[in-house]
Amino acid sequence: MSTVLTVLLIIVSVLLITVIILQPGKSAGLSGAISGGAEQLFGKQKARGLELILHRTTIVLSIVFFAILIALAYFVQ
């Protein structure tokens, strides 16, 4: 059982890293504040659907990650 959970943990970990890397970064500083307002005004909404999917996928994968981690800790002892 621990072998199956370990393999699942590795798969979920790789997927979680991939989804996090795919998410766009937040703009920082004064230039980010200026361009951020322009992006919201002039069509940043197209990518909103993909960002929402990536955000929800990150939440689901992190919950699955911790559930597998707790189950693995339980079965190893």
N, C-alpha and C. Protein backbone atom coordinates (compact mmCIF):
# COMPACT_ATOMS: atom_id res chain seq x y z
N MET A 1 0.81 -1.20 0.00
CA MET A 1 0.00 0.00 0.00
C MET A 1 0.85 1.26 0.00
N SER A 2 1.96 1.21 0.74
CA SER A 2 2.80 2.40 0.80
C SER A 2 3.48 2.66 -0.54
N THR A 3 3.75 1.62 -1.31
CA THR A 3 4.36 1.80 -2.63
C THR A 3 3.39 2.52 -3.57
N VAL A 4 2.13 2.14 -3.54
CA VAL A 4 1.12 2.78 -4.38
C VAL A 4 0.96 4.24 -4.00
N LEU A 5 0.91 4.50 -2.70
CA LEU A 5 0.77 5.88 -2.23
C LEU A 5 2.00 6.71 -2.57
N THR A 6 3.17 6.11 -2.51
CA THR A 6 4.39 6.84 -2.86
C THR A 6 4.41 7.21 -4.34
N VAL A 7 4.00 6.28 -5.18
CA VAL A 7 3.93 6.57 -6.62
C VAL A 7 2.90 7.66 -6.89
N LEU A 8 1.73 7.58 -6.26
CA LEU A 8 0.71 8.62 -6.41
C LEU A 8 1.21 9.98 -5.91
N LEU A 9 1.95 9.96 -4.82
CA LEU A 9 2.50 11.20 -4.28
C LEU A 9 3.48 11.84 -5.25
N ILE A 10 4.30 11.04 -5.89
CA ILE A 10 5.25 11.57 -6.87
C ILE A 10 4.52 12.14 -8.07
N ILE A 11 3.50 11.45 -8.55
CA ILE A 11 2.73 11.94 -9.70
C ILE A 11 2.03 13.25 -9.37
N VAL A 12 1.39 13.30 -8.21
CA VAL A 12 0.69 14.52 -7.80
C VAL A 12 1.69 15.66 -7.58
N SER A 13 2.85 15.37 -7.06
CA SER A 13 3.87 16.39 -6.84
C SER A 13 4.33 17.01 -8.16
N VAL A 14 4.58 16.17 -9.15
CA VAL A 14 5.00 16.67 -10.46
C VAL A 14 3.88 17.50 -11.10
N LEU A 15 2.65 17.02 -11.01
CA LEU A 15 1.53 17.79 -11.55
C LEU A 15 1.36 19.12 -10.83
N LEU A 16 1.52 19.13 -9.52
CA LEU A 16 1.39 20.36 -8.75
C LEU A 16 2.48 21.37 -9.13
N ILE A 17 3.69 20.91 -9.27
CA ILE A 17 4.79 21.79 -9.69
C ILE A 17 4.51 22.36 -11.08
N THR A 18 4.04 21.51 -11.98
CA THR A 18 3.75 21.96 -13.35
C THR A 18 2.65 23.01 -13.37
N VAL A 19 1.58 22.78 -12.62
CA VAL A 19 0.47 23.74 -12.60
C VAL A 19 0.90 25.06 -11.99
N ILE A 20 1.73 25.02 -10.96
CA ILE A 20 2.20 26.25 -10.33
C ILE A 20 3.10 27.03 -11.27
N ILE A 21 3.95 26.33 -12.01
CA ILE A 21 4.84 27.02 -12.94
C ILE A 21 4.05 27.63 -14.09
N LEU A 22 2.96 27.02 -14.50
CA LEU A 22 2.15 27.54 -15.61
C LEU A 22 1.38 28.81 -15.24
N GLN A 23 1.18 29.06 -13.97
CA GLN A 23 0.42 30.24 -13.57
C GLN A 23 1.22 31.51 -13.83
N PRO A 24 0.54 32.55 -14.30
CA PRO A 24 1.24 33.80 -14.56
C PRO A 24 1.65 34.48 -13.26
N GLY A 25 2.78 35.17 -13.29
CA GLY A 25 3.25 35.88 -12.11
C GLY A 25 2.50 37.18 -11.90
N LYS A 26 2.53 37.65 -10.69
CA LYS A 26 1.89 38.92 -10.38
C LYS A 26 2.87 40.05 -10.69
N SER A 27 2.36 41.12 -11.27
CA SER A 27 3.22 42.28 -11.55
C SER A 27 3.58 42.97 -10.25
N ALA A 28 4.81 43.43 -10.17
CA ALA A 28 5.27 44.06 -8.93
C ALA A 28 5.77 45.47 -9.22
N GLY A 29 5.71 46.27 -8.23
CA GLY A 29 6.26 47.61 -8.33
C GLY A 29 5.31 48.58 -9.00
N LEU A 30 5.83 49.78 -9.27
CA LEU A 30 5.04 50.84 -9.85
C LEU A 30 4.64 50.53 -11.29
N SER A 31 5.54 49.93 -12.05
CA SER A 31 5.19 49.60 -13.44
C SER A 31 4.10 48.54 -13.49
N GLY A 32 4.09 47.63 -12.54
CA GLY A 32 3.04 46.63 -12.47
C GLY A 32 1.70 47.25 -12.13
N ALA A 33 1.72 48.27 -11.29
CA ALA A 33 0.47 48.94 -10.92
C ALA A 33 -0.11 49.69 -12.11
N ILE A 34 0.75 50.31 -12.89
CA ILE A 34 0.29 51.07 -14.05
C ILE A 34 -0.20 50.13 -15.14
N SER A 35 0.60 49.12 -15.48
CA SER A 35 0.19 48.21 -16.56
C SER A 35 -0.92 47.27 -16.11
N GLY A 36 -1.00 47.00 -14.82
CA GLY A 36 -2.07 46.13 -14.33
C GLY A 36 -3.44 46.72 -14.55
N GLY A 37 -3.56 48.02 -14.35
CA GLY A 37 -4.84 48.68 -14.61
C GLY A 37 -5.19 48.68 -16.08
N ALA A 38 -4.17 48.84 -16.92
CA ALA A 38 -4.42 48.84 -18.36
C ALA A 38 -4.80 47.44 -18.84
N GLU A 39 -4.19 46.42 -18.28
CA GLU A 39 -4.53 45.05 -18.69
C GLU A 39 -5.96 44.71 -18.32
N GLN A 40 -6.42 45.17 -17.18
CA GLN A 40 -7.80 44.88 -16.79
C GLN A 40 -8.78 45.65 -17.67
N LEU A 41 -8.37 46.82 -18.11
CA LEU A 41 -9.26 47.65 -18.91
C LEU A 41 -9.31 47.19 -20.36
N PHE A 42 -8.18 46.74 -20.89
CA PHE A 42 -8.09 46.46 -22.33
C PHE A 42 -7.98 44.99 -22.69
N GLY A 43 -8.56 44.09 -21.97
CA GLY A 43 -8.65 42.74 -22.47
C GLY A 43 -7.87 41.67 -21.73
N LYS A 44 -7.57 41.86 -20.51
CA LYS A 44 -6.93 40.80 -19.73
C LYS A 44 -7.94 39.70 -19.41
N GLN A 45 -9.21 39.92 -19.67
CA GLN A 45 -10.27 38.98 -19.31
C GLN A 45 -10.21 37.69 -20.12
N LYS A 46 -9.56 37.69 -21.29
CA LYS A 46 -9.47 36.47 -22.10
C LYS A 46 -8.75 35.36 -21.35
N ALA A 47 -7.67 35.72 -20.67
CA ALA A 47 -6.87 34.72 -19.96
C ALA A 47 -7.45 34.40 -18.59
N ARG A 48 -8.51 35.06 -18.20
CA ARG A 48 -9.09 34.85 -16.88
C ARG A 48 -9.60 33.43 -16.72
N GLY A 49 -10.18 32.87 -17.76
CA GLY A 49 -10.71 31.52 -17.66
C GLY A 49 -9.61 30.50 -17.41
N LEU A 50 -8.50 30.65 -18.13
CA LEU A 50 -7.37 29.74 -17.93
C LEU A 50 -6.75 29.93 -16.55
N GLU A 51 -6.64 31.16 -16.10
CA GLU A 51 -6.09 31.42 -14.77
C GLU A 51 -6.98 30.82 -13.69
N LEU A 52 -8.28 30.88 -13.88
CA LEU A 52 -9.22 30.32 -12.91
C LEU A 52 -9.10 28.80 -12.87
N ILE A 53 -8.95 28.19 -14.02
CA ILE A 53 -8.78 26.73 -14.07
C ILE A 53 -7.48 26.32 -13.39
N LEU A 54 -6.41 27.04 -13.66
CA LEU A 54 -5.12 26.73 -13.03
C LEU A 54 -5.19 26.93 -11.53
N HIS A 55 -5.88 27.97 -11.09
CA HIS A 55 -6.01 28.24 -9.66
C HIS A 55 -6.79 27.11 -8.96
N ARG A 56 -7.90 26.71 -9.54
CA ARG A 56 -8.70 25.64 -8.94
C ARG A 56 -7.97 24.30 -8.99
N THR A 57 -7.24 24.05 -10.07
CA THR A 57 -6.46 22.82 -10.17
C THR A 57 -5.38 22.78 -9.11
N THR A 58 -4.76 23.93 -8.83
CA THR A 58 -3.75 24.00 -7.79
C THR A 58 -4.34 23.68 -6.43
N ILE A 59 -5.51 24.20 -6.15
CA ILE A 59 -6.17 23.92 -4.87
C ILE A 59 -6.50 22.44 -4.73
N VAL A 60 -7.07 21.86 -5.78
CA VAL A 60 -7.45 20.44 -5.73
C VAL A 60 -6.21 19.56 -5.57
N LEU A 61 -5.16 19.85 -6.35
CA LEU A 61 -3.94 19.04 -6.27
C LEU A 61 -3.26 19.18 -4.91
N SER A 62 -3.32 20.37 -4.32
CA SER A 62 -2.69 20.52 -3.00
C SER A 62 -3.47 19.75 -1.93
N ILE A 63 -4.80 19.72 -2.02
CA ILE A 63 -5.59 18.93 -1.08
C ILE A 63 -5.30 17.45 -1.25
N VAL A 64 -5.22 16.99 -2.51
CA VAL A 64 -4.91 15.58 -2.77
C VAL A 64 -3.50 15.26 -2.27
N PHE A 65 -2.56 16.18 -2.48
CA PHE A 65 -1.19 15.99 -2.03
C PHE A 65 -1.13 15.76 -0.52
N PHE A 66 -1.79 16.62 0.24
CA PHE A 66 -1.76 16.48 1.70
C PHE A 66 -2.53 15.25 2.18
N ALA A 67 -3.60 14.89 1.49
CA ALA A 67 -4.35 13.69 1.86
C ALA A 67 -3.49 12.44 1.65
N ILE A 68 -2.79 12.38 0.52
CA ILE A 68 -1.90 11.24 0.27
C ILE A 68 -0.75 11.23 1.26
N LEU A 69 -0.24 12.40 1.59
CA LEU A 69 0.86 12.49 2.54
C LEU A 69 0.45 11.99 3.92
N ILE A 70 -0.74 12.36 4.37
CA ILE A 70 -1.23 11.89 5.67
C ILE A 70 -1.49 10.39 5.64
N ALA A 71 -2.09 9.90 4.53
CA ALA A 71 -2.33 8.46 4.41
C ALA A 71 -1.02 7.68 4.39
N LEU A 72 -0.03 8.22 3.71
CA LEU A 72 1.28 7.56 3.66
C LEU A 72 1.94 7.52 5.03
N ALA A 73 1.82 8.60 5.77
CA ALA A 73 2.36 8.62 7.12
C ALA A 73 1.65 7.62 8.02
N TYR A 74 0.37 7.43 7.81
CA TYR A 74 -0.40 6.47 8.60
C TYR A 74 0.00 5.04 8.29
N PHE A 75 0.16 4.71 7.00
CA PHE A 75 0.47 3.35 6.61
C PHE A 75 1.93 2.95 6.82
N VAL A 76 2.83 3.91 6.89
CA VAL A 76 4.24 3.59 7.10
C VAL A 76 4.47 3.12 8.54
N GLN A 77 3.75 3.68 9.47
CA GLN A 77 3.95 3.30 10.88
C GLN A 77 3.42 1.99 11.14
